[in-house]
C-alpha atoms as a PDB file:
ATOM      1  CA  UNK A   1       0.000   0.000   0.000  1.00  0.00           C
ATOM      2  CA  UNK A   2       1.421   3.404  -0.901  1.00  0.00           C
ATOM      3  CA  UNK A   3       1.998   5.971   1.815  1.00  0.00           C
ATOM      4  CA  UNK A   4      -0.974   8.230   1.006  1.00  0.00           C
ATOM      5  CA  UNK A   5      -3.394   5.298   0.993  1.00  0.00           C
ATOM      6  CA  UNK A   6      -1.870   4.035   4.228  1.00  0.00           C
ATOM      7  CA  UNK A   7      -2.362   7.458   5.865  1.00  0.00           C
ATOM      8  CA  UNK A   8      -5.924   7.615   4.569  1.00  0.00           C
ATOM      9  CA  UNK A   9      -6.735   4.132   5.894  1.00  0.00           C
ATOM     10  CA  UNK A  10      -5.274   4.933   9.314  1.00  0.00           C
ATOM     11  CA  UNK A  11      -7.133   8.251   9.467  1.00  0.00           C
ATOM     12  CA  UNK A  12     -10.366   6.503   8.496  1.00  0.00           C
ATOM     13  CA  UNK A  13      -9.921   4.126  11.465  1.00  0.00           C
ATOM     14  CA  UNK A  14      -9.367   7.048  13.808  1.00  0.00           C
ATOM     15  CA  UNK A  15     -11.696   9.745  12.479  1.00  0.00           C
ATOM     16  CA  UNK A  16     -14.169   8.055  10.162  1.00  0.00           C
ATOM     17  CA  UNK A  17     -14.064  10.073   6.976  1.00  0.00           C
ATOM     18  CA  UNK A  18     -16.752  10.483   4.346  1.00  0.00           C
ATOM     19  CA  UNK A  19     -17.191   8.270   1.283  1.00  0.00           C
ATOM     20  CA  UNK A  20     -18.376   9.789  -1.982  1.00  0.00           C
ATOM     21  CA  UNK A  21     -18.192   8.138  -5.429  1.00  0.00           C
ATOM     22  CA  UNK A  22     -15.674   5.511  -4.227  1.00  0.00           C
ATOM     23  CA  UNK A  23     -13.341   8.167  -2.804  1.00  0.00           C
ATOM     24  CA  UNK A  24     -12.657   8.816   0.865  1.00  0.00           C
ATOM     25  CA  UNK A  25     -12.687  12.438   2.012  1.00  0.00           C
ATOM     26  CA  UNK A  26     -11.937  14.053   5.368  1.00  0.00           C
ATOM     27  CA  UNK A  27     -12.805  17.348   6.988  1.00  0.00           C
ATOM     28  CA  UNK A  28      -9.943  19.618   7.996  1.00  0.00           C
ATOM     29  CA  UNK A  29     -10.704  18.764  11.619  1.00  0.00           C
ATOM     30  CA  UNK A  30     -10.153  15.099  10.761  1.00  0.00           C
ATOM     31  CA  UNK A  31      -6.979  15.900   8.768  1.00  0.00           C
ATOM     32  CA  UNK A  32      -5.730  17.650  11.910  1.00  0.00           C
ATOM     33  CA  UNK A  33      -5.378  14.171  13.477  1.00  0.00           C
ATOM     34  CA  UNK A  34      -2.935  13.025  10.779  1.00  0.00           C
ATOM     35  CA  UNK A  35       0.235  14.278  12.550  1.00  0.00           C
ATOM     36  CA  UNK A  36      -0.400  11.942  15.495  1.00  0.00           C
ATOM     37  CA  UNK A  37      -0.821   9.051  13.062  1.00  0.00           C
ATOM     38  CA  UNK A  38       2.476   9.930  11.373  1.00  0.00           C
ATOM     39  CA  UNK A  39       4.264   9.820  14.713  1.00  0.00           C
ATOM     40  CA  UNK A  40       2.980   6.270  15.219  1.00  0.00           C
ATOM     41  CA  UNK A  41       3.789   5.124  11.678  1.00  0.00           C
ATOM     42  CA  UNK A  42       7.357   6.319  12.174  1.00  0.00           C
ATOM     43  CA  UNK A  43       8.074   6.617   8.438  1.00  0.00           C
ATOM     44  CA  UNK A  44       7.255   9.121   5.712  1.00  0.00           C
ATOM     45  CA  UNK A  45       7.006   9.286   1.947  1.00  0.00           C
ATOM     46  CA  UNK A  46       5.516  11.615  -0.650  1.00  0.00           C
ATOM     47  CA  UNK A  47       2.072  12.879   0.294  1.00  0.00           C
ATOM     48  CA  UNK A  48      -0.595  14.906  -1.502  1.00  0.00           C
ATOM     49  CA  UNK A  49      -3.732  16.288   0.125  1.00  0.00           C
ATOM     50  CA  UNK A  50      -6.303  17.867  -2.201  1.00  0.00           C
ATOM     51  CA  UNK A  51      -9.211  20.013  -1.019  1.00  0.00           C
ATOM     52  CA  UNK A  52     -12.612  19.613  -2.666  1.00  0.00           C
ATOM     53  CA  UNK A  53     -15.907  21.455  -2.363  1.00  0.00           C
ATOM     54  CA  UNK A  54     -18.608  18.800  -2.218  1.00  0.00           C
ATOM     55  CA  UNK A  55     -22.351  19.263  -2.560  1.00  0.00           C
ATOM     56  CA  UNK A  56     -25.158  16.792  -3.195  1.00  0.00           C
ATOM     57  CA  UNK A  57     -24.709  17.332  -6.932  1.00  0.00           C
ATOM     58  CA  UNK A  58     -21.019  18.133  -7.464  1.00  0.00           C
ATOM     59  CA  UNK A  59     -17.413  17.557  -6.457  1.00  0.00           C
ATOM     60  CA  UNK A  60     -15.024  20.388  -7.393  1.00  0.00           C
ATOM     61  CA  UNK A  61     -11.305  20.368  -6.625  1.00  0.00           C
ATOM     62  CA  UNK A  62      -9.614  23.515  -5.304  1.00  0.00           C
ATOM     63  CA  UNK A  63      -6.378  22.388  -6.947  1.00  0.00           C
ATOM     64  CA  UNK A  64      -4.470  25.606  -6.173  1.00  0.00           C
ATOM     65  CA  UNK A  65      -4.696  24.709  -2.471  1.00  0.00           C
ATOM     66  CA  UNK A  66      -3.374  21.159  -2.870  1.00  0.00           C
ATOM     67  CA  UNK A  67      -0.627  20.188  -0.456  1.00  0.00           C
ATOM     68  CA  UNK A  68       2.397  18.446  -1.948  1.00  0.00           C
ATOM     69  CA  UNK A  69       5.093  17.091   0.361  1.00  0.00           C
ATOM     70  CA  UNK A  70       7.965  15.380  -1.418  1.00  0.00           C
ATOM     71  CA  UNK A  71      10.527  13.327   0.453  1.00  0.00           C
ATOM     72  CA  UNK A  72      13.942  13.880  -1.128  1.00  0.00           C
ATOM     73  CA  UNK A  73      17.630  13.203  -0.604  1.00  0.00           C
ATOM     74  CA  UNK A  74      18.509  16.864  -1.171  1.00  0.00           C
ATOM     75  CA  UNK A  75      16.237  19.875  -0.793  1.00  0.00           C
ATOM     76  CA  UNK A  76      16.075  22.313  -3.702  1.00  0.00           C
ATOM     77  CA  UNK A  77      15.670  26.049  -3.225  1.00  0.00           C
ATOM     78  CA  UNK A  78      11.898  26.557  -2.996  1.00  0.00           C
ATOM     79  CA  UNK A  79      12.054  29.708  -5.125  1.00  0.00           C
ATOM     80  CA  UNK A  80      13.813  27.898  -7.957  1.00  0.00           C
ATOM     81  CA  UNK A  81      11.178  25.155  -7.941  1.00  0.00           C
ATOM     82  CA  UNK A  82       8.387  27.762  -7.949  1.00  0.00           C
ATOM     83  CA  UNK A  83       9.911  29.669 -10.859  1.00  0.00           C
ATOM     84  CA  UNK A  84      10.332  26.445 -12.805  1.00  0.00           C
ATOM     85  CA  UNK A  85       6.724  25.392 -12.163  1.00  0.00           C
ATOM     86  CA  UNK A  86       5.408  28.847 -13.090  1.00  0.00           C
ATOM     87  CA  UNK A  87       7.631  29.194 -16.143  1.00  0.00           C
ATOM     88  CA  UNK A  88       9.091  32.476 -14.889  1.00  0.00           C
ATOM     89  CA  UNK A  89      12.663  33.693 -14.483  1.00  0.00           C
ATOM     90  CA  UNK A  90      12.318  35.853 -11.368  1.00  0.00           C
ATOM     91  CA  UNK A  91       9.955  36.097  -8.379  1.00  0.00           C
ATOM     92  CA  UNK A  92       8.985  39.688  -9.271  1.00  0.00           C
ATOM     93  CA  UNK A  93       7.027  38.265 -12.209  1.00  0.00           C
ATOM     94  CA  UNK A  94       4.683  36.436  -9.823  1.00  0.00           C
ATOM     95  CA  UNK A  95       1.838  37.875  -7.766  1.00  0.00           C
ATOM     96  CA  UNK A  96       2.416  37.911  -3.997  1.00  0.00           C
ATOM     97  CA  UNK A  97      -0.592  35.690  -3.243  1.00  0.00           C
ATOM     98  CA  UNK A  98       0.795  33.029  -5.589  1.00  0.00           C
ATOM     99  CA  UNK A  99       4.149  33.046  -3.793  1.00  0.00           C
ATOM    100  CA  UNK A 100       2.425  32.869  -0.394  1.00  0.00           C
ATOM    101  CA  UNK A 101       0.211  30.017  -1.535  1.00  0.00           C
ATOM    102  CA  UNK A 102       3.242  28.076  -2.830  1.00  0.00           C
ATOM    103  CA  UNK A 103       4.984  28.660   0.478  1.00  0.00           C
ATOM    104  CA  UNK A 104       2.164  26.898   2.345  1.00  0.00           C
ATOM    105  CA  UNK A 105       1.365  24.134  -0.148  1.00  0.00           C
ATOM    106  CA  UNK A 106       4.711  22.839  -1.468  1.00  0.00           C
ATOM    107  CA  UNK A 107       7.387  21.225   0.672  1.00  0.00           C
ATOM    108  CA  UNK A 108      10.476  19.157   0.107  1.00  0.00           C
ATOM    109  CA  UNK A 109      11.480  17.208   3.205  1.00  0.00           C
ATOM    110  CA  UNK A 110      14.564  15.097   3.670  1.00  0.00           C
ATOM    111  CA  UNK A 111      13.799  11.385   3.806  1.00  0.00           C
ATOM    112  CA  UNK A 112      13.355  10.241   7.412  1.00  0.00           C
ATOM    113  CA  UNK A 113      12.772  13.837   8.675  1.00  0.00           C
ATOM    114  CA  UNK A 114       9.475  12.957  10.339  1.00  0.00           C
ATOM    115  CA  UNK A 115       9.554  16.081  12.518  1.00  0.00           C
ATOM    116  CA  UNK A 116       9.993  18.371   9.484  1.00  0.00           C
ATOM    117  CA  UNK A 117       7.256  16.467   7.646  1.00  0.00           C
ATOM    118  CA  UNK A 118       4.811  16.940  10.522  1.00  0.00           C
ATOM    119  CA  UNK A 119       5.742  20.640  10.846  1.00  0.00           C
ATOM    120  CA  UNK A 120       5.003  21.118   7.137  1.00  0.00           C
ATOM    121  CA  UNK A 121       1.665  19.329   7.462  1.00  0.00           C
ATOM    122  CA  UNK A 122       0.721  21.425  10.509  1.00  0.00           C
ATOM    123  CA  UNK A 123       1.681  24.601   8.665  1.00  0.00           C
ATOM    124  CA  UNK A 124      -0.596  23.602   5.766  1.00  0.00           C
ATOM    125  CA  UNK A 125      -3.470  22.809   8.154  1.00  0.00           C
ATOM    126  CA  UNK A 126      -3.128  26.255   9.768  1.00  0.00           C
ATOM    127  CA  UNK A 127      -3.096  27.850   6.307  1.00  0.00           C
ATOM    128  CA  UNK A 128      -6.247  25.994   5.259  1.00  0.00           C
ATOM    129  CA  UNK A 129      -8.006  26.919   8.501  1.00  0.00           C
ATOM    130  CA  UNK A 130      -7.636  30.527   7.318  1.00  0.00           C
ATOM    131  CA  UNK A 131      -8.502  29.727   3.657  1.00  0.00           C
ATOM    132  CA  UNK A 132     -11.595  27.562   4.084  1.00  0.00           C
ATOM    133  CA  UNK A 133     -13.977  30.503   4.552  1.00  0.00           C
ATOM    134  CA  UNK A 134     -12.850  32.102   1.288  1.00  0.00           C
ATOM    135  CA  UNK A 135     -13.212  28.745  -0.476  1.00  0.00           C
ATOM    136  CA  UNK A 136     -16.721  28.454   0.885  1.00  0.00           C
ATOM    137  CA  UNK A 137     -17.542  31.962  -0.334  1.00  0.00           C
ATOM    138  CA  UNK A 138     -16.272  31.019  -3.765  1.00  0.00           C
ATOM    139  CA  UNK A 139     -17.937  27.606  -4.039  1.00  0.00           C
ATOM    140  CA  UNK A 140     -20.972  27.423  -1.756  1.00  0.00           C
ATOM    141  CA  UNK A 141     -24.242  27.212  -3.617  1.00  0.00           C
ATOM    142  CA  UNK A 142     -27.255  29.104  -2.251  1.00  0.00           C
ATOM    143  CA  UNK A 143     -30.069  27.020  -0.778  1.00  0.00           C
ATOM    144  CA  UNK A 144     -27.875  23.930  -0.371  1.00  0.00           C
ATOM    145  CA  UNK A 145     -27.435  22.722   3.193  1.00  0.00           C
ATOM    146  CA  UNK A 146     -25.349  19.632   2.495  1.00  0.00           C
ATOM    147  CA  UNK A 147     -22.057  21.106   1.231  1.00  0.00           C
ATOM    148  CA  UNK A 148     -18.576  21.656   2.520  1.00  0.00           C
ATOM    149  CA  UNK A 149     -14.817  21.490   2.074  1.00  0.00           C
ATOM    150  CA  UNK A 150     -13.317  18.015   2.275  1.00  0.00           C
ATOM    151  CA  UNK A 151      -9.810  16.655   1.655  1.00  0.00           C
ATOM    152  CA  UNK A 152      -8.588  13.589  -0.162  1.00  0.00           C
ATOM    153  CA  UNK A 153      -5.225  12.044   0.708  1.00  0.00           C
ATOM    154  CA  UNK A 154      -3.090  10.579  -2.077  1.00  0.00           C
END
């Protein structure tokens, strides 16, 4: 079982989760329990957590808020990776909110650095606690009671 699926299965045992169309989603409150699971697993690997707005009739990914933690042998300069991904040559060509978002959603962690991995995950959770209201404002549909922001672990 790959690491993301393992984390998802362990979190489901602990927090429950929510099944929709053969995919398992978690609230941010449930995701907040993932660091304690990682301490017990005592190993790390690449992890992606994608937020989705889910209603009775739709599932829409907020891909720009997807967390990506890569476990590596050598950490690259985060700015260089961002510029490469954005196809730009200098940070001044990017809007500040894009740089901030990258800072909270993309991490390279040395293999076996469980503490750094958990710190990155906690930093993302704190970021999303601030962002969820704006996502709701953007996605919530009027007159729908059964909707919310949920996260899928890969």
